[in-house]
N, C-alpha and C. Protein backbone atom coordinates (compact mmCIF):
# COMPACT_ATOMS: atom_id res chain seq x y z
N MET A 1 -26.06 -4.25 53.81
CA MET A 1 -24.54 -4.58 54.37
C MET A 1 -24.64 -5.48 55.54
N ARG A 2 -25.57 -5.23 56.57
CA ARG A 2 -25.75 -6.20 57.57
C ARG A 2 -26.01 -7.43 57.18
N VAL A 3 -26.92 -7.72 56.22
CA VAL A 3 -27.06 -9.07 55.85
C VAL A 3 -26.02 -9.76 55.22
N ILE A 4 -25.19 -9.23 54.48
CA ILE A 4 -24.05 -9.64 53.90
C ILE A 4 -23.11 -10.17 54.97
N ALA A 5 -22.85 -9.16 55.92
CA ALA A 5 -21.99 -9.55 57.07
C ALA A 5 -22.53 -10.67 57.96
N ARG A 6 -23.84 -10.69 58.20
CA ARG A 6 -24.42 -12.02 58.84
C ARG A 6 -24.28 -13.18 58.09
N ASN A 7 -24.36 -13.09 56.82
CA ASN A 7 -24.22 -14.43 55.91
C ASN A 7 -22.76 -14.79 56.07
N LEU A 8 -21.79 -13.94 55.89
CA LEU A 8 -20.33 -14.39 56.27
C LEU A 8 -20.25 -15.01 57.44
N VAL A 9 -20.76 -14.60 58.53
CA VAL A 9 -20.67 -15.23 59.81
C VAL A 9 -21.33 -16.52 59.76
N LYS A 10 -22.55 -16.73 59.23
CA LYS A 10 -23.36 -17.82 59.16
C LYS A 10 -22.59 -18.90 58.27
N THR A 11 -22.12 -18.42 57.43
CA THR A 11 -21.37 -19.54 56.44
C THR A 11 -19.92 -19.78 56.82
N LYS A 12 -19.44 -19.18 57.85
CA LYS A 12 -18.03 -19.18 58.32
C LYS A 12 -17.06 -18.84 57.19
N LEU A 13 -17.46 -17.95 56.21
CA LEU A 13 -16.48 -17.43 55.28
C LEU A 13 -15.83 -16.29 55.82
N LYS A 14 -14.55 -16.12 55.41
CA LYS A 14 -13.86 -14.89 55.67
C LYS A 14 -14.20 -13.72 54.76
N GLY A 15 -14.20 -12.59 55.12
CA GLY A 15 -14.46 -11.56 54.21
C GLY A 15 -14.69 -10.16 54.96
N ARG A 16 -14.61 -9.11 54.08
CA ARG A 16 -14.85 -7.83 54.66
C ARG A 16 -15.87 -7.09 53.89
N VAL A 17 -16.78 -6.51 54.44
CA VAL A 17 -17.93 -5.75 53.82
C VAL A 17 -17.38 -4.35 53.73
N ARG A 18 -17.57 -3.67 52.61
CA ARG A 18 -17.10 -2.30 52.50
C ARG A 18 -18.15 -1.51 51.76
N GLN A 19 -18.59 -0.42 52.17
CA GLN A 19 -19.49 0.42 51.50
C GLN A 19 -18.90 1.61 51.11
N GLN A 20 -18.71 1.86 49.91
CA GLN A 20 -18.01 3.18 49.44
C GLN A 20 -18.57 3.48 47.91
N ASP A 21 -18.37 4.75 47.68
CA ASP A 21 -18.67 5.23 46.26
C ASP A 21 -17.57 4.59 45.35
N VAL A 22 -18.12 3.73 44.32
CA VAL A 22 -17.20 3.06 43.59
C VAL A 22 -16.21 3.84 42.84
N PHE A 23 -16.52 5.04 42.37
CA PHE A 23 -15.64 5.92 41.76
C PHE A 23 -14.61 6.47 42.59
N ASP A 24 -14.90 6.79 43.85
CA ASP A 24 -14.03 7.25 44.76
C ASP A 24 -13.01 6.09 45.16
N PHE A 25 -13.51 4.87 45.23
CA PHE A 25 -12.71 3.55 45.59
C PHE A 25 -11.72 3.42 44.42
N LEU A 26 -12.20 3.62 43.26
CA LEU A 26 -11.29 3.30 42.09
C LEU A 26 -10.23 4.42 41.96
N ARG A 27 -10.56 5.57 42.39
CA ARG A 27 -9.58 6.69 42.33
C ARG A 27 -8.43 6.58 43.32
N HIS A 28 -8.84 5.86 44.38
CA HIS A 28 -7.77 5.72 45.45
C HIS A 28 -7.14 4.17 45.65
N ALA A 29 -7.63 3.45 44.79
CA ALA A 29 -7.17 1.90 44.85
C ALA A 29 -5.75 1.84 44.45
N GLY A 30 -5.06 1.32 45.27
CA GLY A 30 -3.62 1.03 45.08
C GLY A 30 -3.15 -0.08 44.23
N GLY A 31 -4.04 -1.12 44.13
CA GLY A 31 -3.96 -2.34 43.41
C GLY A 31 -3.18 -3.37 44.23
N ALA A 32 -2.74 -3.11 45.36
CA ALA A 32 -2.02 -4.06 46.18
C ALA A 32 -3.02 -5.08 46.74
N GLU A 33 -4.33 -4.48 47.05
CA GLU A 33 -5.37 -5.54 47.44
C GLU A 33 -6.42 -5.89 46.28
N THR A 34 -6.68 -7.10 46.30
CA THR A 34 -7.51 -7.62 45.37
C THR A 34 -8.75 -8.27 46.10
N PHE A 35 -9.79 -8.45 45.35
CA PHE A 35 -11.19 -8.92 45.84
C PHE A 35 -11.80 -10.09 45.07
N GLN A 36 -12.48 -10.96 45.77
CA GLN A 36 -13.18 -12.06 45.19
C GLN A 36 -14.50 -11.57 44.52
N ILE A 37 -15.18 -10.48 45.19
CA ILE A 37 -16.30 -10.06 44.70
C ILE A 37 -16.21 -8.51 44.99
N ILE A 38 -16.70 -7.90 43.62
CA ILE A 38 -17.03 -6.36 43.84
C ILE A 38 -18.35 -6.09 43.24
N PHE A 39 -19.10 -5.64 44.02
CA PHE A 39 -20.59 -5.20 43.74
C PHE A 39 -20.80 -3.86 43.54
N ALA A 40 -21.43 -3.54 42.43
CA ALA A 40 -21.75 -2.07 42.17
C ALA A 40 -23.24 -2.02 41.85
N ASP A 41 -23.87 -1.04 42.50
CA ASP A 41 -25.24 -0.81 42.24
C ASP A 41 -25.38 0.63 42.03
N PRO A 42 -24.95 1.20 40.83
CA PRO A 42 -24.74 2.62 40.62
C PRO A 42 -26.32 3.19 40.29
N PRO A 43 -26.37 4.44 40.50
CA PRO A 43 -27.66 5.16 40.22
C PRO A 43 -28.09 4.94 38.74
N TYR A 44 -29.28 4.66 38.41
CA TYR A 44 -29.74 4.45 37.03
C TYR A 44 -29.72 5.79 36.23
N GLU A 45 -29.68 6.85 36.97
CA GLU A 45 -29.74 8.16 36.05
C GLU A 45 -28.30 8.36 35.60
N LYS A 46 -28.26 9.32 34.80
CA LYS A 46 -26.93 9.69 34.27
C LYS A 46 -26.22 10.63 35.15
N THR A 47 -24.76 10.78 35.11
CA THR A 47 -24.11 11.76 35.84
C THR A 47 -24.58 13.05 35.34
N LYS A 48 -24.09 14.18 36.10
CA LYS A 48 -24.52 15.60 35.81
C LYS A 48 -23.99 15.97 34.50
N HIS A 49 -22.90 15.25 34.00
CA HIS A 49 -22.37 15.52 32.61
C HIS A 49 -23.03 14.70 31.54
N GLY A 50 -24.16 13.86 31.89
CA GLY A 50 -24.79 13.05 30.85
C GLY A 50 -24.16 11.71 30.65
N ASP A 51 -23.17 11.34 31.41
CA ASP A 51 -22.47 9.97 31.21
C ASP A 51 -23.33 8.95 32.00
N SER A 52 -23.28 7.71 31.42
CA SER A 52 -23.89 6.50 32.14
C SER A 52 -22.96 5.92 33.20
N TYR A 53 -23.48 5.72 34.25
CA TYR A 53 -22.59 5.17 35.40
C TYR A 53 -22.28 3.74 35.10
N THR A 54 -23.06 3.03 34.39
CA THR A 54 -22.84 1.77 34.02
C THR A 54 -21.51 1.65 32.99
N GLU A 55 -21.71 2.60 32.05
CA GLU A 55 -20.64 2.73 30.93
C GLU A 55 -19.26 3.00 31.60
N LYS A 56 -19.33 3.95 32.43
CA LYS A 56 -18.09 4.50 33.19
C LYS A 56 -17.38 3.33 33.93
N LEU A 57 -18.21 2.45 34.51
CA LEU A 57 -17.75 1.24 35.30
C LEU A 57 -17.16 0.15 34.31
N VAL A 58 -17.88 -0.26 33.34
CA VAL A 58 -17.37 -1.27 32.57
C VAL A 58 -16.14 -0.87 31.53
N THR A 59 -15.97 0.51 31.34
CA THR A 59 -14.87 0.86 30.61
C THR A 59 -13.74 1.34 31.43
N ASN A 60 -13.76 1.34 32.81
CA ASN A 60 -12.73 1.79 33.70
C ASN A 60 -11.57 0.55 33.61
N GLU A 61 -10.44 1.03 33.50
CA GLU A 61 -9.33 0.12 33.40
C GLU A 61 -8.88 -0.32 34.67
N VAL A 62 -9.05 0.29 35.90
CA VAL A 62 -8.44 -0.06 37.08
C VAL A 62 -9.27 -1.14 37.64
N LEU A 63 -10.67 -1.08 37.53
CA LEU A 63 -11.47 -2.17 38.09
C LEU A 63 -11.19 -3.60 37.87
N PRO A 64 -10.90 -4.02 36.59
CA PRO A 64 -10.70 -5.56 36.51
C PRO A 64 -9.29 -5.83 37.13
N ARG A 65 -8.34 -4.94 37.44
CA ARG A 65 -7.11 -5.25 37.95
C ARG A 65 -7.37 -5.50 39.52
N LEU A 66 -8.55 -5.24 40.15
CA LEU A 66 -8.76 -5.27 41.53
C LEU A 66 -9.39 -6.67 41.84
N LEU A 67 -9.62 -7.40 40.90
CA LEU A 67 -10.38 -8.66 41.08
C LEU A 67 -9.20 -9.71 41.09
N ASP A 68 -9.57 -10.74 42.04
CA ASP A 68 -8.60 -11.95 42.09
C ASP A 68 -8.80 -12.54 40.85
N SER A 69 -7.93 -13.61 40.54
CA SER A 69 -8.12 -14.25 39.24
C SER A 69 -9.39 -14.92 39.06
N SER A 70 -9.85 -15.41 40.09
CA SER A 70 -11.24 -16.07 39.94
C SER A 70 -12.49 -15.23 40.39
N GLY A 71 -12.14 -13.77 40.54
CA GLY A 71 -13.07 -12.97 41.21
C GLY A 71 -14.23 -12.49 40.22
N ILE A 72 -15.38 -11.98 40.79
CA ILE A 72 -16.59 -11.67 39.98
C ILE A 72 -16.90 -10.19 40.23
N PHE A 73 -17.33 -9.49 39.23
CA PHE A 73 -17.78 -8.13 39.28
C PHE A 73 -19.31 -8.16 39.10
N VAL A 74 -20.00 -7.86 40.08
CA VAL A 74 -21.50 -8.00 40.16
C VAL A 74 -22.03 -6.53 39.86
N LEU A 75 -22.64 -6.33 38.75
CA LEU A 75 -23.16 -5.07 38.40
C LEU A 75 -24.68 -4.96 38.17
N GLU A 76 -25.25 -4.16 38.83
CA GLU A 76 -26.82 -3.82 38.59
C GLU A 76 -27.02 -2.77 37.64
N LYS A 77 -28.12 -2.80 36.68
CA LYS A 77 -28.34 -1.88 35.80
C LYS A 77 -29.78 -2.04 35.43
N ARG A 78 -30.32 -1.10 34.56
CA ARG A 78 -31.57 -1.18 34.08
C ARG A 78 -31.55 -2.14 32.85
N PRO A 79 -32.59 -2.87 32.82
CA PRO A 79 -32.61 -3.89 31.64
C PRO A 79 -32.59 -3.36 30.22
N ALA A 80 -33.04 -2.16 30.12
CA ALA A 80 -33.09 -1.41 28.81
C ALA A 80 -31.83 -0.66 28.47
N GLU A 81 -31.06 -0.47 29.52
CA GLU A 81 -29.70 0.17 29.23
C GLU A 81 -28.71 -0.71 28.47
N THR A 82 -28.26 -0.10 27.34
CA THR A 82 -27.39 -0.68 26.41
C THR A 82 -25.98 -0.55 26.95
N LEU A 83 -25.29 -1.81 26.92
CA LEU A 83 -23.97 -1.85 27.30
C LEU A 83 -22.77 -1.46 26.13
N PRO A 84 -21.87 -0.66 26.53
CA PRO A 84 -20.88 -0.38 25.50
C PRO A 84 -20.19 -1.65 25.26
N GLU A 85 -19.23 -1.71 24.16
CA GLU A 85 -18.29 -2.82 24.00
C GLU A 85 -17.37 -2.97 25.19
N MET A 86 -17.48 -4.17 25.66
CA MET A 86 -16.61 -4.46 27.01
C MET A 86 -15.33 -5.10 26.66
N LYS A 87 -14.22 -4.27 26.68
CA LYS A 87 -12.94 -4.63 26.46
C LYS A 87 -12.27 -5.38 27.53
N PHE A 88 -12.72 -5.00 28.76
CA PHE A 88 -12.12 -5.59 29.96
C PHE A 88 -12.87 -6.84 30.60
N TRP A 89 -14.15 -7.15 30.18
CA TRP A 89 -15.02 -8.04 30.79
C TRP A 89 -15.37 -9.15 29.87
N ARG A 90 -15.77 -10.20 30.48
CA ARG A 90 -16.53 -11.26 29.85
C ARG A 90 -17.73 -11.58 30.69
N MET A 91 -18.95 -11.72 30.14
CA MET A 91 -20.14 -11.92 30.71
C MET A 91 -20.11 -13.43 31.23
N VAL A 92 -20.32 -13.64 32.39
CA VAL A 92 -20.44 -14.99 32.93
C VAL A 92 -21.91 -15.32 33.04
N ARG A 93 -22.79 -14.24 33.51
CA ARG A 93 -24.25 -14.86 33.85
C ARG A 93 -24.94 -13.29 33.67
N GLN A 94 -26.14 -13.36 33.31
CA GLN A 94 -27.00 -12.27 33.28
C GLN A 94 -28.31 -12.59 33.62
N LYS A 95 -28.91 -12.00 34.62
CA LYS A 95 -30.25 -12.24 35.10
C LYS A 95 -31.14 -10.94 35.30
N THR A 96 -32.43 -11.04 34.88
CA THR A 96 -33.13 -9.74 35.08
C THR A 96 -34.22 -10.18 36.30
N TYR A 97 -34.31 -9.21 37.18
CA TYR A 97 -35.44 -9.40 38.29
C TYR A 97 -36.19 -8.04 38.14
N GLY A 98 -37.27 -8.11 37.46
CA GLY A 98 -38.19 -7.05 37.42
C GLY A 98 -37.42 -5.95 36.54
N ALA A 99 -37.43 -4.73 37.34
CA ALA A 99 -36.80 -3.46 36.68
C ALA A 99 -35.29 -3.45 36.97
N THR A 100 -34.71 -4.54 37.25
CA THR A 100 -33.15 -4.57 37.67
C THR A 100 -32.53 -5.69 36.78
N GLU A 101 -31.40 -5.67 36.25
CA GLU A 101 -30.78 -6.63 35.52
C GLU A 101 -29.35 -6.63 36.30
N VAL A 102 -29.04 -7.87 36.59
CA VAL A 102 -27.80 -8.20 37.25
C VAL A 102 -26.76 -8.95 36.36
N LEU A 103 -25.55 -8.31 36.22
CA LEU A 103 -24.51 -8.88 35.49
C LEU A 103 -23.40 -9.54 36.28
N PHE A 104 -22.96 -10.62 36.00
CA PHE A 104 -21.84 -11.21 36.64
C PHE A 104 -20.81 -11.18 35.61
N LEU A 105 -19.62 -10.55 35.80
CA LEU A 105 -18.52 -10.22 34.85
C LEU A 105 -17.19 -10.82 35.52
N SER A 106 -16.52 -11.39 34.61
CA SER A 106 -15.17 -11.72 35.00
C SER A 106 -14.01 -10.83 34.14
N ALA A 107 -13.12 -10.64 34.62
CA ALA A 107 -12.03 -9.90 33.88
C ALA A 107 -11.45 -10.72 32.81
N ILE A 108 -11.26 -9.93 31.63
CA ILE A 108 -10.59 -10.76 30.59
C ILE A 108 -9.16 -10.84 30.92
N GLY A 109 -8.57 -11.92 30.74
CA GLY A 109 -7.12 -12.01 31.26
C GLY A 109 -6.97 -12.70 32.68
N ASN A 110 -7.95 -12.83 33.36
CA ASN A 110 -7.94 -13.38 34.70
C ASN A 110 -8.27 -14.95 34.48
C-alpha cells in the first residue's frame, strides 16, 4: 500500500488507496462512489463453505457497478483455477507471473 501511495505522489496522480476486505466492501458499497481501479488479491484457498473467492468476485453483481466507465478490475488468482462464465466482465488482459495469474477486467456495459 505504501508503494502505491508513493507512486501516486511521484506521478502527481490523484487517488486514494484503501485496504479492506473486498466482500465487506461490497456489502457496504452504496454505489455513489466509483473507482478507476479495483484490485483484489483474494486467498487462493476456498472459503470455509468450499466456495472459490475468485468465483464469488467475478459473479458478484455489485462490483462492476463500482467501476468508472473506463475503470479496470485487477484480480489475482492461481493460473490453474478455472473461471466461471463471466456475465459481468470482459477480459482486457491476462498475464501469468510464476504461481500468480493477473486478470485485467472491464465491466460489460461500461
